[in-house]
C-alpha cells in the first residue's frame, strides 16, 4: 500500500533508529570487548605477537568508535570503524590463517 509512516525506527539506514543503535552496539562495544579479551590468548612471539597487537588495536578502535557514535563525532566513527577495524581485522585474519595452516601442517606431520 506504500504506507511507510512510523517505520523510521525499524530502518538501519536511519542513523537515529533503534536498529542502527543495536548494530553499532554490537560492532563497537561487544566486538571491541571480545577483541580485548581474546588478545592475551596469543602470548607468543612472531606471528602470535602480530595477532595479539591486531586484536588490541581492533579493540581500541571499536571502543573509540562507540564513544564517537554516542557523542555524534562523525570523523572519529568513520576513522575507527573503516580504517581502524579494517586494517586490524585484516591483519588478524591473515595472521590467523597462517597460524592455523602451520598448526594443521604440524598436526599432519605428528
N, C-alpha and C. Protein backbone atom coordinates (compact mmCIF):
# COMPACT_ATOMS: atom_id res chain seq x y z
N UNK A 1 0.82 -1.20 0.00
CA UNK A 1 0.00 0.00 0.00
C UNK A 1 0.86 1.26 0.00
N UNK A 2 2.16 1.13 0.20
CA UNK A 2 3.03 2.30 0.18
C UNK A 2 3.05 3.08 1.48
N UNK A 3 2.46 2.56 2.53
CA UNK A 3 2.44 3.24 3.83
C UNK A 3 3.74 2.96 4.57
N UNK A 4 4.55 3.97 4.76
CA UNK A 4 5.81 3.79 5.47
C UNK A 4 5.92 4.64 6.73
N UNK A 5 4.88 5.36 7.05
CA UNK A 5 4.90 6.22 8.24
C UNK A 5 5.05 5.35 9.49
N UNK A 6 5.94 5.75 10.37
CA UNK A 6 6.16 5.03 11.61
C UNK A 6 7.22 3.94 11.53
N UNK A 7 7.77 3.71 10.36
CA UNK A 7 8.78 2.66 10.21
C UNK A 7 10.22 3.19 10.33
N UNK A 8 10.36 4.47 10.64
CA UNK A 8 11.69 5.07 10.70
C UNK A 8 12.61 4.38 11.70
N UNK A 9 12.06 3.90 12.81
CA UNK A 9 12.87 3.26 13.85
C UNK A 9 13.26 1.83 13.49
N UNK A 10 12.67 1.26 12.45
CA UNK A 10 12.98 -0.11 12.06
C UNK A 10 13.94 -0.18 10.88
N UNK A 11 14.41 0.97 10.41
CA UNK A 11 15.29 1.01 9.25
C UNK A 11 16.71 1.26 9.73
N UNK A 12 17.63 0.38 9.36
CA UNK A 12 19.01 0.51 9.81
C UNK A 12 19.71 1.71 9.19
N UNK A 13 19.30 2.14 8.02
CA UNK A 13 19.94 3.27 7.35
C UNK A 13 19.69 4.59 8.07
N UNK A 14 18.67 4.65 8.89
CA UNK A 14 18.39 5.85 9.69
C UNK A 14 19.35 5.84 10.87
N UNK A 15 20.27 6.78 10.92
CA UNK A 15 21.30 6.76 11.96
C UNK A 15 20.75 6.99 13.36
N UNK A 16 19.51 7.43 13.48
CA UNK A 16 18.91 7.64 14.79
C UNK A 16 17.90 6.55 15.15
N UNK A 17 17.89 5.47 14.39
CA UNK A 17 16.93 4.40 14.64
C UNK A 17 17.45 3.43 15.70
N UNK A 18 16.53 2.68 16.25
CA UNK A 18 16.89 1.66 17.23
C UNK A 18 17.73 0.56 16.58
N UNK A 19 17.42 0.22 15.34
CA UNK A 19 18.19 -0.81 14.64
C UNK A 19 19.64 -0.39 14.45
N UNK A 20 19.86 0.87 14.11
CA UNK A 20 21.23 1.37 13.95
C UNK A 20 21.97 1.36 15.29
N UNK A 21 21.27 1.70 16.35
CA UNK A 21 21.90 1.70 17.68
C UNK A 21 22.30 0.29 18.10
N UNK A 22 21.44 -0.68 17.86
CA UNK A 22 21.76 -2.07 18.19
C UNK A 22 22.93 -2.56 17.33
N UNK A 23 22.92 -2.21 16.06
CA UNK A 23 24.01 -2.57 15.16
C UNK A 23 25.34 -2.00 15.64
N UNK A 24 25.34 -0.73 15.98
CA UNK A 24 26.58 -0.10 16.44
C UNK A 24 27.00 -0.63 17.81
N UNK A 25 26.06 -0.99 18.65
CA UNK A 25 26.40 -1.58 19.95
C UNK A 25 27.16 -2.88 19.75
N UNK A 26 26.70 -3.69 18.83
CA UNK A 26 27.38 -4.95 18.54
C UNK A 26 28.76 -4.74 17.94
N UNK A 27 28.85 -3.85 16.95
CA UNK A 27 30.11 -3.64 16.25
C UNK A 27 31.13 -2.87 17.08
N UNK A 28 30.68 -2.05 18.01
CA UNK A 28 31.63 -1.24 18.78
C UNK A 28 31.91 -1.87 20.15
N UNK A 29 30.93 -1.90 21.00
CA UNK A 29 31.17 -2.37 22.37
C UNK A 29 31.50 -3.86 22.43
N UNK A 30 30.64 -4.69 21.87
CA UNK A 30 30.83 -6.13 22.03
C UNK A 30 31.99 -6.67 21.20
N UNK A 31 32.16 -6.18 19.98
CA UNK A 31 33.30 -6.62 19.17
C UNK A 31 34.60 -6.09 19.76
N UNK A 32 34.57 -4.88 20.30
CA UNK A 32 35.75 -4.32 20.94
C UNK A 32 36.16 -5.08 22.18
N UNK A 33 35.18 -5.38 23.03
CA UNK A 33 35.48 -6.14 24.25
C UNK A 33 35.96 -7.56 23.93
N UNK A 34 35.33 -8.19 22.95
CA UNK A 34 35.75 -9.55 22.60
C UNK A 34 37.17 -9.56 22.05
N UNK A 35 37.54 -8.53 21.30
CA UNK A 35 38.90 -8.45 20.78
C UNK A 35 39.91 -8.25 21.91
N UNK A 36 39.55 -7.40 22.86
CA UNK A 36 40.46 -7.18 24.00
C UNK A 36 40.59 -8.42 24.87
N UNK A 37 39.51 -9.19 25.02
CA UNK A 37 39.57 -10.39 25.84
C UNK A 37 40.32 -11.53 25.16
N UNK A 38 40.30 -11.59 23.84
CA UNK A 38 40.98 -12.69 23.14
C UNK A 38 42.47 -12.37 22.92
N UNK A 39 42.85 -11.13 22.95
CA UNK A 39 44.25 -10.76 22.67
C UNK A 39 45.26 -11.46 23.57
N UNK A 40 45.06 -11.57 24.89
CA UNK A 40 46.05 -12.22 25.74
C UNK A 40 46.25 -13.71 25.45
N UNK A 41 45.34 -14.33 24.73
CA UNK A 41 45.50 -15.75 24.40
C UNK A 41 46.73 -15.96 23.54
N UNK A 42 47.05 -14.98 22.71
CA UNK A 42 48.21 -15.07 21.81
C UNK A 42 49.40 -14.39 22.48
N UNK A 43 50.14 -15.17 23.26
CA UNK A 43 51.21 -14.60 24.08
C UNK A 43 52.61 -14.90 23.55
N UNK A 44 52.69 -15.56 22.44
CA UNK A 44 54.00 -15.93 21.90
C UNK A 44 54.67 -14.78 21.16
N UNK A 45 55.71 -15.14 20.44
CA UNK A 45 56.47 -14.17 19.66
C UNK A 45 56.11 -14.34 18.19
N UNK A 46 56.60 -13.46 17.37
CA UNK A 46 56.40 -13.58 15.94
C UNK A 46 54.95 -13.40 15.52
N UNK A 47 54.41 -14.43 14.91
CA UNK A 47 53.06 -14.37 14.36
C UNK A 47 52.01 -14.17 15.46
N UNK A 48 52.18 -14.81 16.58
CA UNK A 48 51.23 -14.63 17.68
C UNK A 48 51.26 -13.21 18.22
N UNK A 49 52.41 -12.59 18.18
CA UNK A 49 52.52 -11.19 18.61
C UNK A 49 51.76 -10.28 17.66
N UNK A 50 51.87 -10.54 16.36
CA UNK A 50 51.12 -9.76 15.37
C UNK A 50 49.62 -9.89 15.62
N UNK A 51 49.16 -11.10 15.89
CA UNK A 51 47.74 -11.34 16.15
C UNK A 51 47.30 -10.59 17.41
N UNK A 52 48.10 -10.68 18.47
CA UNK A 52 47.76 -10.00 19.72
C UNK A 52 47.65 -8.49 19.52
N UNK A 53 48.62 -7.91 18.82
CA UNK A 53 48.60 -6.46 18.58
C UNK A 53 47.41 -6.07 17.71
N UNK A 54 47.10 -6.89 16.70
CA UNK A 54 45.95 -6.60 15.84
C UNK A 54 44.65 -6.62 16.64
N UNK A 55 44.50 -7.60 17.53
CA UNK A 55 43.30 -7.65 18.35
C UNK A 55 43.23 -6.48 19.33
N UNK A 56 44.36 -6.09 19.91
CA UNK A 56 44.37 -4.94 20.80
C UNK A 56 44.01 -3.66 20.06
N UNK A 57 44.58 -3.47 18.87
CA UNK A 57 44.24 -2.29 18.07
C UNK A 57 42.77 -2.30 17.67
N UNK A 58 42.27 -3.46 17.29
CA UNK A 58 40.86 -3.54 16.92
C UNK A 58 39.97 -3.21 18.11
N UNK A 59 40.30 -3.74 19.28
CA UNK A 59 39.51 -3.44 20.47
C UNK A 59 39.49 -1.96 20.80
N UNK A 60 40.66 -1.33 20.72
CA UNK A 60 40.73 0.10 21.00
C UNK A 60 39.94 0.90 19.97
N UNK A 61 40.07 0.54 18.70
CA UNK A 61 39.33 1.25 17.64
C UNK A 61 37.84 1.07 17.80
N UNK A 62 37.41 -0.14 18.14
CA UNK A 62 35.97 -0.41 18.32
C UNK A 62 35.40 0.44 19.45
N UNK A 63 36.09 0.47 20.59
CA UNK A 63 35.59 1.23 21.73
C UNK A 63 35.60 2.73 21.45
N UNK A 64 36.64 3.20 20.76
CA UNK A 64 36.66 4.61 20.37
C UNK A 64 35.54 4.94 19.39
N UNK A 65 35.26 4.01 18.50
CA UNK A 65 34.15 4.20 17.57
C UNK A 65 32.82 4.28 18.29
N UNK A 66 32.65 3.48 19.33
CA UNK A 66 31.44 3.54 20.14
C UNK A 66 31.29 4.87 20.85
N UNK A 67 32.40 5.39 21.37
CA UNK A 67 32.37 6.71 22.00
C UNK A 67 32.02 7.77 20.97
N UNK A 68 32.62 7.66 19.79
CA UNK A 68 32.33 8.61 18.72
C UNK A 68 30.88 8.56 18.30
N UNK A 69 30.30 7.37 18.25
CA UNK A 69 28.89 7.22 17.88
C UNK A 69 27.99 7.82 18.95
N UNK A 70 28.31 7.55 20.22
CA UNK A 70 27.49 8.07 21.32
C UNK A 70 27.55 9.59 21.39
N UNK A 71 28.72 10.16 21.09
CA UNK A 71 28.88 11.62 21.15
C UNK A 71 28.65 12.29 19.81
N UNK A 72 28.27 11.52 18.80
CA UNK A 72 27.98 12.02 17.46
C UNK A 72 29.19 12.74 16.84
N UNK A 73 30.37 12.09 16.96
CA UNK A 73 31.59 12.60 16.34
C UNK A 73 31.82 11.77 15.08
N UNK A 74 31.33 12.27 13.97
CA UNK A 74 31.30 11.50 12.73
C UNK A 74 32.71 11.13 12.25
N UNK A 75 33.65 12.05 12.36
CA UNK A 75 35.01 11.78 11.88
C UNK A 75 35.65 10.63 12.67
N UNK A 76 35.44 10.62 13.98
CA UNK A 76 36.01 9.55 14.81
C UNK A 76 35.38 8.20 14.47
N UNK A 77 34.07 8.19 14.27
CA UNK A 77 33.39 6.95 13.89
C UNK A 77 33.91 6.46 12.54
N UNK A 78 34.02 7.36 11.59
CA UNK A 78 34.49 6.98 10.25
C UNK A 78 35.89 6.39 10.29
N UNK A 79 36.80 7.06 10.98
CA UNK A 79 38.19 6.59 11.03
C UNK A 79 38.33 5.27 11.77
N UNK A 80 37.69 5.15 12.92
CA UNK A 80 37.87 3.93 13.71
C UNK A 80 37.16 2.74 13.10
N UNK A 81 35.98 2.94 12.56
CA UNK A 81 35.23 1.81 12.02
C UNK A 81 35.78 1.39 10.66
N UNK A 82 36.08 2.32 9.80
CA UNK A 82 36.54 1.96 8.46
C UNK A 82 38.01 1.59 8.42
N UNK A 83 38.86 2.47 8.88
CA UNK A 83 40.30 2.22 8.77
C UNK A 83 40.84 1.41 9.94
N UNK A 84 40.44 1.75 11.16
CA UNK A 84 40.94 1.04 12.33
C UNK A 84 40.56 -0.42 12.32
N UNK A 85 39.26 -0.68 12.23
CA UNK A 85 38.81 -2.06 12.21
C UNK A 85 39.24 -2.76 10.94
N UNK A 86 39.15 -2.06 9.82
CA UNK A 86 39.52 -2.68 8.55
C UNK A 86 40.95 -3.19 8.55
N UNK A 87 41.88 -2.37 8.97
CA UNK A 87 43.28 -2.78 9.00
C UNK A 87 43.58 -3.83 10.05
N UNK A 88 43.02 -3.64 11.24
CA UNK A 88 43.30 -4.58 12.33
C UNK A 88 42.68 -5.95 12.07
N UNK A 89 41.46 -5.97 11.60
CA UNK A 89 40.80 -7.26 11.35
C UNK A 89 41.44 -7.96 10.15
N UNK A 90 41.84 -7.21 9.15
CA UNK A 90 42.54 -7.80 8.01
C UNK A 90 43.86 -8.43 8.46
N UNK A 91 44.62 -7.68 9.25
CA UNK A 91 45.90 -8.22 9.74
C UNK A 91 45.68 -9.45 10.61
N UNK A 92 44.71 -9.40 11.51
CA UNK A 92 44.43 -10.54 12.38
C UNK A 92 43.96 -11.75 11.57
N UNK A 93 43.13 -11.52 10.58
CA UNK A 93 42.61 -12.62 9.76
C UNK A 93 43.71 -13.31 8.98
N UNK A 94 44.57 -12.52 8.36
CA UNK A 94 45.67 -13.11 7.58
C UNK A 94 46.62 -13.86 8.50
N UNK A 95 46.98 -13.25 9.63
CA UNK A 95 47.90 -13.89 10.56
C UNK A 95 47.29 -15.17 11.15
N UNK A 96 45.99 -15.15 11.45
CA UNK A 96 45.34 -16.34 11.98
C UNK A 96 45.30 -17.45 10.93
N UNK A 97 45.06 -17.10 9.68
CA UNK A 97 45.08 -18.11 8.61
C UNK A 97 46.45 -18.78 8.51
N UNK A 98 47.49 -17.98 8.59
CA UNK A 98 48.85 -18.53 8.53
C UNK A 98 49.12 -19.42 9.74
N UNK A 99 48.72 -18.95 10.93
CA UNK A 99 48.93 -19.73 12.15
C UNK A 99 48.17 -21.05 12.10
N UNK A 100 46.91 -21.01 11.69
CA UNK A 100 46.13 -22.24 11.61
C UNK A 100 46.69 -23.20 10.57
N UNK A 101 47.19 -22.66 9.48
CA UNK A 101 47.81 -23.51 8.45
C UNK A 101 49.05 -24.21 9.00
N UNK A 102 49.85 -23.46 9.75
CA UNK A 102 51.04 -24.06 10.37
C UNK A 102 50.65 -25.13 11.38
N UNK A 103 49.62 -24.85 12.16
CA UNK A 103 49.18 -25.82 13.16
C UNK A 103 48.63 -27.07 12.47
N UNK A 104 47.94 -26.90 11.38
CA UNK A 104 47.38 -28.03 10.64
C UNK A 104 48.50 -28.88 10.05
N UNK A 105 49.51 -28.23 9.49
CA UNK A 105 50.64 -28.96 8.93
C UNK A 105 51.41 -29.72 10.00
N UNK A 106 51.60 -29.10 11.15
CA UNK A 106 52.34 -29.80 12.21
C UNK A 106 51.54 -30.96 12.77
N UNK A 107 50.21 -30.84 12.78
CA UNK A 107 49.37 -31.95 13.25
C UNK A 107 49.42 -33.10 12.25
N UNK A 108 49.50 -32.78 10.95
CA UNK A 108 49.59 -33.83 9.93
C UNK A 108 50.92 -34.58 10.00
N UNK A 109 51.97 -33.85 10.36
CA UNK A 109 53.29 -34.49 10.43
C UNK A 109 53.47 -35.30 11.70
N UNK A 110 52.75 -34.91 12.76
CA UNK A 110 52.93 -35.57 14.06
C UNK A 110 52.11 -36.76 14.20
